[in-house]
Amino acid sequence: MNLFAQYKDAPNLPSADFEFHLHRLRPVIDALASQDAMLKEWYIQGGTAEEALQYRVYGDDHQPLPAAIDEMTNEYKGKSRDDPKSIGIWNGVAQSDGASFMISLDGGDNFSQQFDFNAKEKSRSSSRLGGYHSVAQIVRKVVEVYAPAYVIYGPRKYFTESVFDDRPGVSWMLYLPDVLTPAQVPEARALIPVMRDGAQLGTIIVSVTDDVFDVNNRAHVKVANDIEIRLADQDLLPRFVDL
């Protein structure tokens, strides 16, 4: 399964501040680890298996380790602090329990950032993060931390099945920073409000509630596609070029 979000960082955020970005990511990792213990430990990705287990990212106290921060900083040594950068980490496990993050940073005030989490599944009908309620809690945490323009969760393969090439797809669930009602999206199987301090930040739109979303199930894909069309018709599905 894949969780993908797009957002813009504050203009006054310090450049090349890997420690800040690792601290910011930690609440999301804690939320993931509460559903799957294999998502607790993280390492800097490397060119070989040996390199990829050399630098543990967080200590036992959940704080970023200085050696990991130094390694990330050294990777961009000699480049401008404002140049686009990324953090690539993995959980140190291969095959069906493997997982990884790619998080972009820097690049200027108008540069849109990406949050890309991938977790392998034992089968296409399984979900390491549980049913839609528990997955929605992970999406909610990403929204709280990153304030994204959208969040998509579901099989990565769904990117080739979505209706529009220039807009986000729905997949299993899509978060949008809008207050949505069942009358606006009647095809949705659930609409989950995301709240903060008594105000609604946006809505998680769920396409399938009685099963794990399966991109090979045409009924699942049709529901997601129908939701995309409904949102686009109401100008509620953003275009990538506008983000």
C-alpha atoms as a PDB file:
ATOM      1  CA  MET A   1       0.000   0.000   0.000  1.00  0.00           C
ATOM      2  CA  ASN A   2       1.052   3.548  -0.668  1.00  0.00           C
ATOM      3  CA  LEU A   3       0.368   6.781   1.203  1.00  0.00           C
ATOM      4  CA  PHE A   4       1.121   9.860  -0.854  1.00  0.00           C
ATOM      5  CA  ALA A   5       0.670  13.492   0.132  1.00  0.00           C
ATOM      6  CA  GLN A   6       1.593  16.843  -1.367  1.00  0.00           C
ATOM      7  CA  TYR A   7       2.068  20.002   0.689  1.00  0.00           C
ATOM      8  CA  LYS A   8       3.961  23.288   0.933  1.00  0.00           C
ATOM      9  CA  ASP A   9       6.290  24.118   3.791  1.00  0.00           C
ATOM     10  CA  ALA A  10       6.329  27.471   5.533  1.00  0.00           C
ATOM     11  CA  PRO A  11       8.595  30.021   3.781  1.00  0.00           C
ATOM     12  CA  ASN A  12      10.574  30.645   6.984  1.00  0.00           C
ATOM     13  CA  LEU A  13      11.499  26.983   7.498  1.00  0.00           C
ATOM     14  CA  PRO A  14      15.312  26.575   7.819  1.00  0.00           C
ATOM     15  CA  SER A  15      16.954  24.880   4.839  1.00  0.00           C
ATOM     16  CA  ALA A  16      18.826  21.572   5.119  1.00  0.00           C
ATOM     17  CA  ASP A  17      17.387  21.021   8.599  1.00  0.00           C
ATOM     18  CA  PHE A  18      17.216  17.224   8.601  1.00  0.00           C
ATOM     19  CA  GLU A  19      16.789  17.078  12.366  1.00  0.00           C
ATOM     20  CA  PHE A  20      13.613  19.177  12.126  1.00  0.00           C
ATOM     21  CA  HIS A  21      12.144  16.948   9.394  1.00  0.00           C
ATOM     22  CA  LEU A  22      12.915  13.755  11.313  1.00  0.00           C
ATOM     23  CA  HIS A  23      11.297  15.189  14.451  1.00  0.00           C
ATOM     24  CA  ARG A  24       8.243  16.185  12.413  1.00  0.00           C
ATOM     25  CA  LEU A  25       7.955  12.693  10.918  1.00  0.00           C
ATOM     26  CA  ARG A  26       8.088  10.898  14.269  1.00  0.00           C
ATOM     27  CA  PRO A  27       4.369  11.217  15.218  1.00  0.00           C
ATOM     28  CA  VAL A  28       3.461   9.590  11.897  1.00  0.00           C
ATOM     29  CA  ILE A  29       5.912   6.754  12.550  1.00  0.00           C
ATOM     30  CA  ASP A  30       4.450   6.267  16.030  1.00  0.00           C
ATOM     31  CA  ALA A  31       0.967   6.037  14.535  1.00  0.00           C
ATOM     32  CA  LEU A  32       2.166   3.469  11.975  1.00  0.00           C
ATOM     33  CA  ALA A  33       4.014   1.437  14.616  1.00  0.00           C
ATOM     34  CA  SER A  34       0.847   1.261  16.718  1.00  0.00           C
ATOM     35  CA  GLN A  35      -0.674  -0.795  13.886  1.00  0.00           C
ATOM     36  CA  ASP A  36       2.416  -2.759  12.817  1.00  0.00           C
ATOM     37  CA  ALA A  37       5.485  -3.329  15.028  1.00  0.00           C
ATOM     38  CA  MET A  38       7.615  -3.824  11.892  1.00  0.00           C
ATOM     39  CA  LEU A  39       7.256  -0.072  11.242  1.00  0.00           C
ATOM     40  CA  LYS A  40       8.991   1.003  14.452  1.00  0.00           C
ATOM     41  CA  GLU A  41      12.690   0.908  13.431  1.00  0.00           C
ATOM     42  CA  TRP A  42      14.064   2.948  10.511  1.00  0.00           C
ATOM     43  CA  TYR A  43      17.399   3.165   8.696  1.00  0.00           C
ATOM     44  CA  ILE A  44      18.901   5.425   6.045  1.00  0.00           C
ATOM     45  CA  GLN A  45      18.634   3.803   2.634  1.00  0.00           C
ATOM     46  CA  GLY A  46      21.894   2.803   0.953  1.00  0.00           C
ATOM     47  CA  GLY A  47      23.274   1.360  -2.244  1.00  0.00           C
ATOM     48  CA  THR A  48      23.840  -2.086  -0.702  1.00  0.00           C
ATOM     49  CA  ALA A  49      22.124  -4.093   2.030  1.00  0.00           C
ATOM     50  CA  GLU A  50      25.131  -3.500   4.271  1.00  0.00           C
ATOM     51  CA  GLU A  51      25.028   0.271   3.723  1.00  0.00           C
ATOM     52  CA  ALA A  52      21.267   0.352   4.213  1.00  0.00           C
ATOM     53  CA  LEU A  53      21.553  -0.987   7.766  1.00  0.00           C
ATOM     54  CA  GLN A  54      24.517   1.139   8.784  1.00  0.00           C
ATOM     55  CA  TYR A  55      22.645   4.196  10.056  1.00  0.00           C
ATOM     56  CA  ARG A  56      19.723   3.813  12.411  1.00  0.00           C
ATOM     57  CA  VAL A  57      17.571   6.953  12.185  1.00  0.00           C
ATOM     58  CA  TYR A  58      16.040   7.104  15.688  1.00  0.00           C
ATOM     59  CA  GLY A  59      17.321   6.109  19.101  1.00  0.00           C
ATOM     60  CA  ASP A  60      15.453   4.202  21.786  1.00  0.00           C
ATOM     61  CA  ASP A  61      14.079   7.546  23.010  1.00  0.00           C
ATOM     62  CA  HIS A  62      12.556   8.150  19.538  1.00  0.00           C
ATOM     63  CA  GLN A  63      14.876  11.125  18.990  1.00  0.00           C
ATOM     64  CA  PRO A  64      16.844  11.477  15.707  1.00  0.00           C
ATOM     65  CA  LEU A  65      20.370  10.115  16.097  1.00  0.00           C
ATOM     66  CA  PRO A  66      23.264  12.553  15.411  1.00  0.00           C
ATOM     67  CA  ALA A  67      25.031  10.043  13.138  1.00  0.00           C
ATOM     68  CA  ALA A  68      21.954   9.794  10.909  1.00  0.00           C
ATOM     69  CA  ILE A  69      21.610  13.570  10.727  1.00  0.00           C
ATOM     70  CA  ASP A  70      25.308  13.915   9.846  1.00  0.00           C
ATOM     71  CA  GLU A  71      24.995  11.288   7.110  1.00  0.00           C
ATOM     72  CA  MET A  72      21.999  13.052   5.557  1.00  0.00           C
ATOM     73  CA  THR A  73      23.818  16.381   5.721  1.00  0.00           C
ATOM     74  CA  ASN A  74      26.969  14.934   4.134  1.00  0.00           C
ATOM     75  CA  GLU A  75      24.945  13.558   1.225  1.00  0.00           C
ATOM     76  CA  TYR A  76      24.293  17.141   0.098  1.00  0.00           C
ATOM     77  CA  LYS A  77      27.693  18.539   0.999  1.00  0.00           C
ATOM     78  CA  GLY A  78      28.804  21.153  -1.522  1.00  0.00           C
ATOM     79  CA  LYS A  79      25.270  21.916  -2.701  1.00  0.00           C
ATOM     80  CA  SER A  80      23.228  24.993  -1.905  1.00  0.00           C
ATOM     81  CA  ARG A  81      21.206  24.783   1.295  1.00  0.00           C
ATOM     82  CA  ASP A  82      18.144  25.775  -0.741  1.00  0.00           C
ATOM     83  CA  ASP A  83      18.551  23.045  -3.379  1.00  0.00           C
ATOM     84  CA  PRO A  84      15.816  20.356  -3.431  1.00  0.00           C
ATOM     85  CA  LYS A  85      16.648  17.455  -1.144  1.00  0.00           C
ATOM     86  CA  SER A  86      15.015  14.281   0.095  1.00  0.00           C
ATOM     87  CA  ILE A  87      15.054  11.906   3.037  1.00  0.00           C
ATOM     88  CA  GLY A  88      14.976   8.221   2.116  1.00  0.00           C
ATOM     89  CA  ILE A  89      14.586   5.707   4.943  1.00  0.00           C
ATOM     90  CA  TRP A  90      13.423   2.083   5.214  1.00  0.00           C
ATOM     91  CA  ASN A  91      12.474  -0.309   8.010  1.00  0.00           C
ATOM     92  CA  GLY A  92      15.414  -2.658   7.431  1.00  0.00           C
ATOM     93  CA  VAL A  93      13.199  -5.568   6.423  1.00  0.00           C
ATOM     94  CA  ALA A  94      12.973  -7.156   3.000  1.00  0.00           C
ATOM     95  CA  GLN A  95      10.146  -8.946   1.192  1.00  0.00           C
ATOM     96  CA  SER A  96       6.556  -8.767   2.493  1.00  0.00           C
ATOM     97  CA  ASP A  97       7.371  -6.788   5.659  1.00  0.00           C
ATOM     98  CA  GLY A  98       9.415  -4.094   3.885  1.00  0.00           C
ATOM     99  CA  ALA A  99       8.466  -0.419   4.022  1.00  0.00           C
ATOM    100  CA  SER A 100      10.018   2.907   3.064  1.00  0.00           C
ATOM    101  CA  PHE A 101       9.608   6.679   3.208  1.00  0.00           C
ATOM    102  CA  MET A 102      10.678   9.317   0.701  1.00  0.00           C
ATOM    103  CA  ILE A 103      10.140  12.872   1.890  1.00  0.00           C
ATOM    104  CA  SER A 104      11.218  15.878  -0.155  1.00  0.00           C
ATOM    105  CA  LEU A 105      12.359  19.164   1.332  1.00  0.00           C
ATOM    106  CA  ASP A 106      13.784  22.564   0.401  1.00  0.00           C
ATOM    107  CA  GLY A 107      13.860  23.904  -3.157  1.00  0.00           C
ATOM    108  CA  GLY A 108      12.405  27.375  -2.613  1.00  0.00           C
ATOM    109  CA  ASP A 109       9.212  28.889  -1.274  1.00  0.00           C
ATOM    110  CA  ASN A 110       7.082  27.828  -4.239  1.00  0.00           C
ATOM    111  CA  PHE A 111       8.370  24.266  -4.352  1.00  0.00           C
ATOM    112  CA  SER A 112       5.679  21.702  -3.540  1.00  0.00           C
ATOM    113  CA  GLN A 113       6.867  18.902  -1.234  1.00  0.00           C
ATOM    114  CA  GLN A 114       6.013  15.206  -1.385  1.00  0.00           C
ATOM    115  CA  PHE A 115       5.430  12.634   1.344  1.00  0.00           C
ATOM    116  CA  ASP A 116       5.647   9.089  -0.033  1.00  0.00           C
ATOM    117  CA  PHE A 117       5.213   6.035   2.225  1.00  0.00           C
ATOM    118  CA  ASN A 118       5.202   2.501   0.830  1.00  0.00           C
ATOM    119  CA  ALA A 119       4.507  -0.720   2.723  1.00  0.00           C
ATOM    120  CA  LYS A 120       4.567  -4.118   1.077  1.00  0.00           C
ATOM    121  CA  GLU A 121       1.621  -6.415   1.739  1.00  0.00           C
ATOM    122  CA  LYS A 122       1.505 -10.190   1.992  1.00  0.00           C
ATOM    123  CA  SER A 123      -1.362 -10.227  -0.494  1.00  0.00           C
ATOM    124  CA  ARG A 124      -3.341  -7.689  -2.482  1.00  0.00           C
ATOM    125  CA  SER A 125      -6.347  -8.213  -0.193  1.00  0.00           C
ATOM    126  CA  SER A 126      -4.459  -7.488   3.033  1.00  0.00           C
ATOM    127  CA  SER A 127      -3.695  -4.306   4.931  1.00  0.00           C
ATOM    128  CA  ARG A 128      -0.917  -4.057   7.499  1.00  0.00           C
ATOM    129  CA  LEU A 129      -2.591  -0.972   8.918  1.00  0.00           C
ATOM    130  CA  GLY A 130      -5.936  -2.689   9.488  1.00  0.00           C
ATOM    131  CA  GLY A 131      -9.381  -1.716   8.236  1.00  0.00           C
ATOM    132  CA  TYR A 132     -10.465   1.645   6.952  1.00  0.00           C
ATOM    133  CA  HIS A 133     -11.016   3.126  10.422  1.00  0.00           C
ATOM    134  CA  SER A 134      -7.419   2.509  11.524  1.00  0.00           C
ATOM    135  CA  VAL A 135      -6.003   3.571   8.142  1.00  0.00           C
ATOM    136  CA  ALA A 136      -7.988   6.800   8.394  1.00  0.00           C
ATOM    137  CA  GLN A 137      -6.251   7.500  11.712  1.00  0.00           C
ATOM    138  CA  ILE A 138      -2.880   7.352   9.922  1.00  0.00           C
ATOM    139  CA  VAL A 139      -4.162   9.704   7.226  1.00  0.00           C
ATOM    140  CA  ARG A 140      -5.477  11.999   9.960  1.00  0.00           C
ATOM    141  CA  LYS A 141      -2.029  12.104  11.592  1.00  0.00           C
ATOM    142  CA  VAL A 142      -0.374  13.057   8.279  1.00  0.00           C
ATOM    143  CA  VAL A 143      -2.919  15.866   7.912  1.00  0.00           C
ATOM    144  CA  GLU A 144      -2.220  17.123  11.436  1.00  0.00           C
ATOM    145  CA  VAL A 145       1.534  17.159  10.892  1.00  0.00           C
ATOM    146  CA  TYR A 146       1.893  18.314   7.272  1.00  0.00           C
ATOM    147  CA  ALA A 147      -1.340  20.190   6.423  1.00  0.00           C
ATOM    148  CA  PRO A 148      -1.331  18.733   2.895  1.00  0.00           C
ATOM    149  CA  ALA A 149      -3.312  19.748  -0.171  1.00  0.00           C
ATOM    150  CA  TYR A 150      -4.378  16.096  -0.421  1.00  0.00           C
ATOM    151  CA  VAL A 151      -3.513  12.620   0.844  1.00  0.00           C
ATOM    152  CA  ILE A 152      -4.077   9.396  -1.116  1.00  0.00           C
ATOM    153  CA  TYR A 153      -3.960   5.932   0.451  1.00  0.00           C
ATOM    154  CA  GLY A 154      -4.246   2.650  -1.438  1.00  0.00           C
ATOM    155  CA  PRO A 155      -2.381   0.359  -3.840  1.00  0.00           C
ATOM    156  CA  ARG A 156       0.303   2.185  -5.828  1.00  0.00           C
ATOM    157  CA  LYS A 157      -0.982   0.425  -8.945  1.00  0.00           C
ATOM    158  CA  TYR A 158      -4.170   2.481  -8.683  1.00  0.00           C
ATOM    159  CA  PHE A 159      -2.303   5.468 -10.155  1.00  0.00           C
ATOM    160  CA  THR A 160      -2.779   3.811 -13.566  1.00  0.00           C
ATOM    161  CA  GLU A 161      -6.501   3.239 -12.919  1.00  0.00           C
ATOM    162  CA  SER A 162      -7.564   6.724 -11.848  1.00  0.00           C
ATOM    163  CA  VAL A 163      -9.742   8.795 -14.171  1.00  0.00           C
ATOM    164  CA  PHE A 164      -7.597  11.928 -14.487  1.00  0.00           C
ATOM    165  CA  ASP A 165      -3.888  12.182 -15.239  1.00  0.00           C
ATOM    166  CA  ASP A 166      -3.711  15.752 -13.959  1.00  0.00           C
ATOM    167  CA  ARG A 167      -5.537  15.308 -10.633  1.00  0.00           C
ATOM    168  CA  PRO A 168      -5.216  13.092  -7.545  1.00  0.00           C
ATOM    169  CA  GLY A 169      -7.035   9.770  -7.569  1.00  0.00           C
ATOM    170  CA  VAL A 170      -9.269   8.471  -4.793  1.00  0.00           C
ATOM    171  CA  SER A 171      -7.966   4.889  -4.458  1.00  0.00           C
ATOM    172  CA  TRP A 172      -9.015   3.471  -1.057  1.00  0.00           C
ATOM    173  CA  MET A 173      -9.248   6.905   0.502  1.00  0.00           C
ATOM    174  CA  LEU A 174      -8.535  10.511  -0.362  1.00  0.00           C
ATOM    175  CA  TYR A 175      -8.203  13.437   2.026  1.00  0.00           C
ATOM    176  CA  LEU A 176      -9.133  16.903   0.793  1.00  0.00           C
ATOM    177  CA  PRO A 177      -9.037  20.130   2.861  1.00  0.00           C
ATOM    178  CA  ASP A 178     -12.752  20.696   2.288  1.00  0.00           C
ATOM    179  CA  VAL A 179     -15.891  20.134   4.328  1.00  0.00           C
ATOM    180  CA  LEU A 180     -17.823  17.563   2.287  1.00  0.00           C
ATOM    181  CA  THR A 181     -21.318  16.140   2.755  1.00  0.00           C
ATOM    182  CA  PRO A 182     -22.951  12.897   1.556  1.00  0.00           C
ATOM    183  CA  ALA A 183     -25.080  14.970  -0.824  1.00  0.00           C
ATOM    184  CA  GLN A 184     -21.904  16.180  -2.548  1.00  0.00           C
ATOM    185  CA  VAL A 185     -20.282  12.724  -2.758  1.00  0.00           C
ATOM    186  CA  PRO A 186     -23.095  10.122  -2.685  1.00  0.00           C
ATOM    187  CA  GLU A 187     -20.796   7.434  -4.119  1.00  0.00           C
ATOM    188  CA  ALA A 188     -18.493   7.550  -1.070  1.00  0.00           C
ATOM    189  CA  ARG A 189     -18.920   4.674   1.368  1.00  0.00           C
ATOM    190  CA  ALA A 190     -17.806   6.934   4.237  1.00  0.00           C
ATOM    191  CA  LEU A 191     -16.895  10.562   4.818  1.00  0.00           C
ATOM    192  CA  ILE A 192     -14.649  11.072   7.854  1.00  0.00           C
ATOM    193  CA  PRO A 193     -14.190  14.636   9.123  1.00  0.00           C
ATOM    194  CA  VAL A 194     -10.708  15.672  10.248  1.00  0.00           C
ATOM    195  CA  MET A 195     -11.008  18.076  13.146  1.00  0.00           C
ATOM    196  CA  ARG A 196      -8.659  20.377  15.049  1.00  0.00           C
ATOM    197  CA  ASP A 197      -9.624  22.629  17.973  1.00  0.00           C
ATOM    198  CA  GLY A 198     -13.304  22.150  17.211  1.00  0.00           C
ATOM    199  CA  ALA A 199     -12.986  23.162  13.551  1.00  0.00           C
ATOM    200  CA  GLN A 200     -13.036  20.840  10.557  1.00  0.00           C
ATOM    201  CA  LEU A 201      -9.815  20.875   8.553  1.00  0.00           C
ATOM    202  CA  GLY A 202     -11.123  18.643   5.786  1.00  0.00           C
ATOM    203  CA  THR A 203     -12.646  15.282   4.904  1.00  0.00           C
ATOM    204  CA  ILE A 204     -11.350  11.758   4.285  1.00  0.00           C
ATOM    205  CA  ILE A 205     -13.350  10.195   1.448  1.00  0.00           C
ATOM    206  CA  VAL A 206     -13.485   6.378   1.664  1.00  0.00           C
ATOM    207  CA  SER A 207     -14.353   4.307  -1.393  1.00  0.00           C
ATOM    208  CA  VAL A 208     -14.551   0.835   0.259  1.00  0.00           C
ATOM    209  CA  THR A 209     -15.544   0.068   3.857  1.00  0.00           C
ATOM    210  CA  ASP A 210     -16.414  -3.638   3.892  1.00  0.00           C
ATOM    211  CA  ASP A 211     -13.056  -4.881   2.603  1.00  0.00           C
ATOM    212  CA  VAL A 212      -9.482  -3.885   1.843  1.00  0.00           C
ATOM    213  CA  PHE A 213      -9.330  -1.923  -1.411  1.00  0.00           C
ATOM    214  CA  ASP A 214      -8.195  -4.250  -4.216  1.00  0.00           C
ATOM    215  CA  VAL A 215      -7.077  -2.629  -7.473  1.00  0.00           C
ATOM    216  CA  ASN A 216      -7.876  -5.911  -9.272  1.00  0.00           C
ATOM    217  CA  ASN A 217     -11.479  -5.745  -8.107  1.00  0.00           C
ATOM    218  CA  ARG A 218     -13.322  -3.812 -10.810  1.00  0.00           C
ATOM    219  CA  ALA A 219     -16.160  -2.913  -8.435  1.00  0.00           C
ATOM    220  CA  HIS A 220     -13.667  -1.216  -6.094  1.00  0.00           C
ATOM    221  CA  VAL A 221     -12.018   0.668  -8.947  1.00  0.00           C
ATOM    222  CA  LYS A 222     -15.398   1.780 -10.320  1.00  0.00           C
ATOM    223  CA  VAL A 223     -16.458   3.304  -7.001  1.00  0.00           C
ATOM    224  CA  ALA A 224     -13.170   5.230  -6.741  1.00  0.00           C
ATOM    225  CA  ASN A 225     -13.494   6.397 -10.346  1.00  0.00           C
ATOM    226  CA  ASP A 226     -17.093   7.497  -9.832  1.00  0.00           C
ATOM    227  CA  ILE A 227     -16.059   9.558  -6.800  1.00  0.00           C
ATOM    228  CA  GLU A 228     -13.310  11.240  -8.825  1.00  0.00           C
ATOM    229  CA  ILE A 229     -15.756  12.204 -11.548  1.00  0.00           C
ATOM    230  CA  ARG A 230     -18.246  13.525  -9.001  1.00  0.00           C
ATOM    231  CA  LEU A 231     -15.579  15.654  -7.282  1.00  0.00           C
ATOM    232  CA  ALA A 232     -14.194  16.980 -10.577  1.00  0.00           C
ATOM    233  CA  ASP A 233     -17.688  17.947 -11.765  1.00  0.00           C
ATOM    234  CA  GLN A 234     -17.993  20.151  -8.675  1.00  0.00           C
ATOM    235  CA  ASP A 235     -14.473  21.549  -9.030  1.00  0.00           C
ATOM    236  CA  LEU A 236     -13.502  19.831  -5.767  1.00  0.00           C
ATOM    237  CA  LEU A 237     -10.686  17.664  -7.146  1.00  0.00           C
ATOM    238  CA  PRO A 238      -7.592  19.887  -7.509  1.00  0.00           C
ATOM    239  CA  ARG A 239      -5.261  19.903 -10.489  1.00  0.00           C
ATOM    240  CA  PHE A 240      -1.608  19.158  -9.820  1.00  0.00           C
ATOM    241  CA  VAL A 241      -0.594  22.314 -11.700  1.00  0.00           C
ATOM    242  CA  ASP A 242      -2.484  24.447  -9.185  1.00  0.00           C
ATOM    243  CA  LEU A 243      -0.857  22.916  -6.099  1.00  0.00           C
END
